[in-house]
Amino acid sequence: MTLLVTVFAAVISTALWYKSLPKNEMKLGILCWLFWGASIMWLIDAIFEYAELGAAYFTPAPEDMLNDLFLGLSVIALALIVWVIALIVKDPKGVVKKAISGKK
């Protein structure tokens, strides 16, 4: 479930990033890298878990699926927080700079 959630987030963020090119003012590329990195991590985890469990990997208990869903959503939330912090630090539209200096 974690793999599925992060792959959907990666695909959606990549489509939004591609749509915003060439300006890319919102730095969506950072978000794409975070989500694709998480997807690759969960894919490798799934491969090793399948090697360990075999066919039982495809029949998880409902509690395990719910836990995996919460973990996947937590990873997405953390990636969004990192992206927002990077966006504030880079300040592509100069909004933070204007707010600090008091100019409108």
N, C-alpha and C. Protein backbone atom coordinates (compact mmCIF):
# COMPACT_ATOMS: atom_id res chain seq x y z
N MET A 1 0.83 -1.19 0.00
CA MET A 1 0.00 0.00 0.00
C MET A 1 0.87 1.25 0.00
N THR A 2 1.99 1.21 0.71
CA THR A 2 2.88 2.38 0.73
C THR A 2 3.43 2.66 -0.67
N LEU A 3 3.77 1.59 -1.38
CA LEU A 3 4.27 1.75 -2.74
C LEU A 3 3.21 2.37 -3.63
N LEU A 4 2.00 1.89 -3.53
CA LEU A 4 0.91 2.39 -4.36
C LEU A 4 0.63 3.86 -4.09
N VAL A 5 0.60 4.25 -2.83
CA VAL A 5 0.31 5.63 -2.46
C VAL A 5 1.42 6.56 -2.96
N THR A 6 2.67 6.17 -2.77
CA THR A 6 3.76 7.05 -3.20
C THR A 6 3.90 7.11 -4.72
N VAL A 7 3.61 6.02 -5.41
CA VAL A 7 3.65 6.06 -6.88
C VAL A 7 2.58 6.99 -7.41
N PHE A 8 1.37 6.94 -6.85
CA PHE A 8 0.32 7.88 -7.28
C PHE A 8 0.75 9.32 -7.02
N ALA A 9 1.34 9.58 -5.87
CA ALA A 9 1.81 10.94 -5.57
C ALA A 9 2.91 11.35 -6.54
N ALA A 10 3.80 10.43 -6.88
CA ALA A 10 4.89 10.73 -7.80
C ALA A 10 4.36 11.04 -9.20
N VAL A 11 3.40 10.26 -9.66
CA VAL A 11 2.84 10.47 -11.00
C VAL A 11 2.10 11.80 -11.05
N ILE A 12 1.31 12.10 -10.04
CA ILE A 12 0.56 13.37 -10.01
C ILE A 12 1.52 14.56 -9.95
N SER A 13 2.53 14.48 -9.10
CA SER A 13 3.48 15.60 -9.00
C SER A 13 4.29 15.76 -10.29
N THR A 14 4.61 14.67 -10.94
CA THR A 14 5.34 14.75 -12.20
C THR A 14 4.48 15.38 -13.28
N ALA A 15 3.21 15.03 -13.33
CA ALA A 15 2.32 15.65 -14.32
C ALA A 15 2.17 17.15 -14.06
N LEU A 16 2.05 17.54 -12.80
CA LEU A 16 1.97 18.96 -12.47
C LEU A 16 3.27 19.69 -12.80
N TRP A 17 4.40 19.04 -12.53
CA TRP A 17 5.70 19.63 -12.85
C TRP A 17 5.84 19.83 -14.35
N TYR A 18 5.45 18.81 -15.13
CA TYR A 18 5.57 18.89 -16.59
C TYR A 18 4.67 20.00 -17.13
N LYS A 19 3.49 20.15 -16.54
CA LYS A 19 2.55 21.19 -16.99
C LYS A 19 3.11 22.58 -16.68
N SER A 20 3.86 22.73 -15.60
CA SER A 20 4.36 24.05 -15.20
C SER A 20 5.64 24.46 -15.91
N LEU A 21 6.22 23.56 -16.70
CA LEU A 21 7.44 23.91 -17.42
C LEU A 21 7.14 24.96 -18.47
N PRO A 22 8.03 25.82 -18.87
CA PRO A 22 9.42 25.97 -18.47
C PRO A 22 9.61 26.90 -17.27
N LYS A 23 8.55 27.56 -16.79
CA LYS A 23 8.71 28.50 -15.68
C LYS A 23 9.15 27.80 -14.40
N ASN A 24 8.39 26.81 -13.97
CA ASN A 24 8.68 26.02 -12.77
C ASN A 24 8.92 26.90 -11.55
N GLU A 25 8.05 27.88 -11.36
CA GLU A 25 8.20 28.80 -10.23
C GLU A 25 7.97 28.13 -8.88
N MET A 26 7.17 27.11 -8.84
CA MET A 26 6.85 26.45 -7.57
C MET A 26 7.81 25.34 -7.20
N LYS A 27 8.85 25.17 -7.97
CA LYS A 27 9.89 24.17 -7.68
C LYS A 27 9.31 22.77 -7.48
N LEU A 28 8.41 22.37 -8.39
CA LEU A 28 7.78 21.06 -8.29
C LEU A 28 8.75 19.91 -8.57
N GLY A 29 9.88 20.22 -9.18
CA GLY A 29 10.89 19.18 -9.43
C GLY A 29 11.39 18.57 -8.12
N ILE A 30 11.51 19.40 -7.09
CA ILE A 30 11.94 18.90 -5.78
C ILE A 30 10.92 17.88 -5.26
N LEU A 31 9.66 18.20 -5.40
CA LEU A 31 8.60 17.30 -4.95
C LEU A 31 8.61 15.99 -5.74
N CYS A 32 8.85 16.10 -7.04
CA CYS A 32 8.93 14.89 -7.87
C CYS A 32 10.06 13.97 -7.40
N TRP A 33 11.23 14.55 -7.15
CA TRP A 33 12.37 13.75 -6.70
C TRP A 33 12.06 13.07 -5.37
N LEU A 34 11.41 13.80 -4.46
CA LEU A 34 11.08 13.21 -3.16
C LEU A 34 10.12 12.02 -3.32
N PHE A 35 9.08 12.20 -4.12
CA PHE A 35 8.09 11.13 -4.30
C PHE A 35 8.66 9.95 -5.08
N TRP A 36 9.45 10.22 -6.12
CA TRP A 36 10.03 9.10 -6.88
C TRP A 36 11.07 8.37 -6.04
N GLY A 37 11.81 9.08 -5.22
CA GLY A 37 12.76 8.43 -4.32
C GLY A 37 12.06 7.52 -3.33
N ALA A 38 10.94 8.01 -2.77
CA ALA A 38 10.16 7.18 -1.85
C ALA A 38 9.58 5.96 -2.57
N SER A 39 9.15 6.16 -3.81
CA SER A 39 8.59 5.04 -4.58
C SER A 39 9.63 3.96 -4.84
N ILE A 40 10.84 4.38 -5.18
CA ILE A 40 11.91 3.41 -5.40
C ILE A 40 12.25 2.68 -4.10
N MET A 41 12.27 3.43 -3.01
CA MET A 41 12.54 2.80 -1.71
C MET A 41 11.49 1.74 -1.40
N TRP A 42 10.21 2.06 -1.58
CA TRP A 42 9.15 1.09 -1.28
C TRP A 42 9.14 -0.06 -2.27
N LEU A 43 9.56 0.18 -3.53
CA LEU A 43 9.66 -0.92 -4.50
C LEU A 43 10.72 -1.93 -4.06
N ILE A 44 11.87 -1.43 -3.64
CA ILE A 44 12.93 -2.34 -3.17
C ILE A 44 12.48 -3.08 -1.92
N ASP A 45 11.76 -2.37 -1.04
CA ASP A 45 11.22 -3.02 0.15
C ASP A 45 10.24 -4.12 -0.23
N ALA A 46 9.40 -3.86 -1.22
CA ALA A 46 8.43 -4.86 -1.67
C ALA A 46 9.12 -6.08 -2.27
N ILE A 47 10.17 -5.85 -3.02
CA ILE A 47 10.91 -6.96 -3.63
C ILE A 47 11.51 -7.86 -2.55
N PHE A 48 12.14 -7.24 -1.55
CA PHE A 48 12.74 -8.04 -0.48
C PHE A 48 11.68 -8.72 0.37
N GLU A 49 10.57 -8.04 0.60
CA GLU A 49 9.50 -8.66 1.40
C GLU A 49 8.87 -9.82 0.63
N TYR A 50 8.71 -9.68 -0.69
CA TYR A 50 8.18 -10.78 -1.49
C TYR A 50 9.14 -11.96 -1.48
N ALA A 51 10.44 -11.68 -1.53
CA ALA A 51 11.43 -12.76 -1.49
C ALA A 51 11.35 -13.51 -0.17
N GLU A 52 10.99 -12.78 0.89
CA GLU A 52 10.91 -13.40 2.21
C GLU A 52 9.59 -14.15 2.41
N LEU A 53 8.47 -13.53 2.00
CA LEU A 53 7.15 -14.11 2.29
C LEU A 53 6.58 -14.96 1.16
N GLY A 54 7.01 -14.73 -0.05
CA GLY A 54 6.47 -15.46 -1.19
C GLY A 54 5.06 -14.96 -1.52
N ALA A 55 4.18 -15.87 -1.85
CA ALA A 55 2.82 -15.52 -2.27
C ALA A 55 2.02 -14.87 -1.15
N ALA A 56 2.39 -15.09 0.09
CA ALA A 56 1.68 -14.48 1.22
C ALA A 56 1.79 -12.96 1.20
N TYR A 57 2.75 -12.44 0.44
CA TYR A 57 2.92 -10.99 0.32
C TYR A 57 1.67 -10.33 -0.28
N PHE A 58 0.98 -11.06 -1.16
CA PHE A 58 -0.16 -10.51 -1.87
C PHE A 58 -1.48 -10.65 -1.12
N THR A 59 -1.44 -11.22 0.08
CA THR A 59 -2.67 -11.36 0.89
C THR A 59 -2.44 -10.79 2.29
N PRO A 60 -2.25 -9.47 2.37
CA PRO A 60 -2.00 -8.88 3.69
C PRO A 60 -3.28 -8.81 4.52
N ALA A 61 -3.12 -8.76 5.80
CA ALA A 61 -4.26 -8.59 6.71
C ALA A 61 -4.76 -7.15 6.59
N PRO A 62 -6.06 -6.94 6.84
CA PRO A 62 -6.60 -5.57 6.77
C PRO A 62 -5.88 -4.57 7.68
N GLU A 63 -5.46 -5.03 8.86
CA GLU A 63 -4.73 -4.13 9.76
C GLU A 63 -3.40 -3.70 9.16
N ASP A 64 -2.73 -4.65 8.48
CA ASP A 64 -1.45 -4.32 7.84
C ASP A 64 -1.65 -3.33 6.70
N MET A 65 -2.73 -3.50 5.96
CA MET A 65 -3.02 -2.58 4.87
C MET A 65 -3.31 -1.17 5.39
N LEU A 66 -4.03 -1.09 6.48
CA LEU A 66 -4.34 0.21 7.07
C LEU A 66 -3.07 0.87 7.61
N ASN A 67 -2.23 0.08 8.27
CA ASN A 67 -0.95 0.61 8.76
C ASN A 67 -0.08 1.10 7.61
N ASP A 68 -0.04 0.34 6.51
CA ASP A 68 0.73 0.74 5.35
C ASP A 68 0.17 2.01 4.71
N LEU A 69 -1.15 2.13 4.70
CA LEU A 69 -1.77 3.34 4.16
C LEU A 69 -1.38 4.56 5.00
N PHE A 70 -1.44 4.43 6.31
CA PHE A 70 -1.04 5.54 7.18
C PHE A 70 0.44 5.87 7.01
N LEU A 71 1.28 4.86 6.84
CA LEU A 71 2.70 5.10 6.62
C LEU A 71 2.93 5.82 5.30
N GLY A 72 2.23 5.40 4.25
CA GLY A 72 2.35 6.05 2.96
C GLY A 72 1.90 7.50 3.01
N LEU A 73 0.79 7.76 3.70
CA LEU A 73 0.30 9.14 3.83
C LEU A 73 1.26 9.97 4.67
N SER A 74 1.89 9.36 5.66
CA SER A 74 2.89 10.06 6.48
C SER A 74 4.10 10.45 5.64
N VAL A 75 4.52 9.57 4.76
CA VAL A 75 5.65 9.86 3.88
C VAL A 75 5.30 11.01 2.94
N ILE A 76 4.08 11.00 2.42
CA ILE A 76 3.64 12.10 1.55
C ILE A 76 3.60 13.41 2.33
N ALA A 77 3.09 13.38 3.55
CA ALA A 77 3.04 14.60 4.36
C ALA A 77 4.44 15.13 4.65
N LEU A 78 5.36 14.24 4.97
CA LEU A 78 6.74 14.66 5.24
C LEU A 78 7.37 15.26 3.98
N ALA A 79 7.15 14.65 2.83
CA ALA A 79 7.70 15.18 1.58
C ALA A 79 7.11 16.56 1.28
N LEU A 80 5.82 16.74 1.54
CA LEU A 80 5.20 18.05 1.31
C LEU A 80 5.78 19.10 2.26
N ILE A 81 6.07 18.72 3.49
CA ILE A 81 6.68 19.65 4.44
C ILE A 81 8.08 20.05 3.97
N VAL A 82 8.87 19.08 3.53
CA VAL A 82 10.21 19.37 3.02
C VAL A 82 10.13 20.29 1.81
N TRP A 83 9.16 20.04 0.91
CA TRP A 83 8.98 20.86 -0.28
C TRP A 83 8.61 22.30 0.08
N VAL A 84 7.70 22.46 1.04
CA VAL A 84 7.29 23.80 1.46
C VAL A 84 8.47 24.55 2.08
N ILE A 85 9.26 23.86 2.89
CA ILE A 85 10.44 24.50 3.49
C ILE A 85 11.42 24.92 2.40
N ALA A 86 11.66 24.05 1.42
CA ALA A 86 12.55 24.39 0.31
C ALA A 86 11.99 25.56 -0.49
N LEU A 87 10.69 25.59 -0.65
CA LEU A 87 10.04 26.68 -1.39
C LEU A 87 10.20 28.00 -0.64
N ILE A 88 10.04 27.96 0.66
CA ILE A 88 10.19 29.18 1.47
C ILE A 88 11.65 29.65 1.45
N VAL A 89 12.59 28.73 1.53
CA VAL A 89 14.00 29.10 1.54
C VAL A 89 14.42 29.69 0.19
N LYS A 90 14.01 29.05 -0.90
CA LYS A 90 14.39 29.54 -2.23
C LYS A 90 13.59 30.78 -2.63
N ASP A 91 12.36 30.90 -2.15
CA ASP A 91 11.50 32.07 -2.36
C ASP A 91 11.50 32.54 -3.81
N PRO A 92 11.00 31.71 -4.74
CA PRO A 92 11.09 32.05 -6.17
C PRO A 92 10.30 33.30 -6.56
N LYS A 93 9.24 33.64 -5.86
CA LYS A 93 8.45 34.82 -6.20
C LYS A 93 8.77 36.02 -5.32
N GLY A 94 9.68 35.86 -4.38
CA GLY A 94 10.08 36.96 -3.53
C GLY A 94 9.06 37.34 -2.47
N VAL A 95 8.12 36.49 -2.17
CA VAL A 95 7.06 36.77 -1.21
C VAL A 95 7.61 36.88 0.21
N VAL A 96 8.47 35.97 0.59
CA VAL A 96 9.02 35.99 1.95
C VAL A 96 9.90 37.22 2.14
N LYS A 97 10.68 37.55 1.12
CA LYS A 97 11.55 38.72 1.20
C LYS A 97 10.72 40.00 1.39
N LYS A 98 9.61 40.11 0.65
CA LYS A 98 8.73 41.27 0.79
C LYS A 98 8.08 41.32 2.17
N ALA A 99 7.70 40.15 2.68
CA ALA A 99 7.06 40.10 4.00
C ALA A 99 8.03 40.50 5.10
N ILE A 100 9.27 40.08 4.98
CA ILE A 100 10.27 40.40 6.00
C ILE A 100 10.64 41.89 5.96
N SER A 101 10.75 42.42 4.72
CA SER A 101 11.15 43.83 4.60
C SER A 101 9.98 44.78 4.86
N GLY A 102 8.77 44.27 4.87
CA GLY A 102 7.59 45.10 5.15
C GLY A 102 7.04 45.82 3.94
N LYS A 103 7.55 45.54 2.75
CA LYS A 103 7.04 46.17 1.52
C LYS A 103 5.87 45.38 0.99
N LYS A 104 4.98 46.11 0.30
CA LYS A 104 3.82 45.42 -0.30
C LYS A 104 3.94 45.33 -1.77
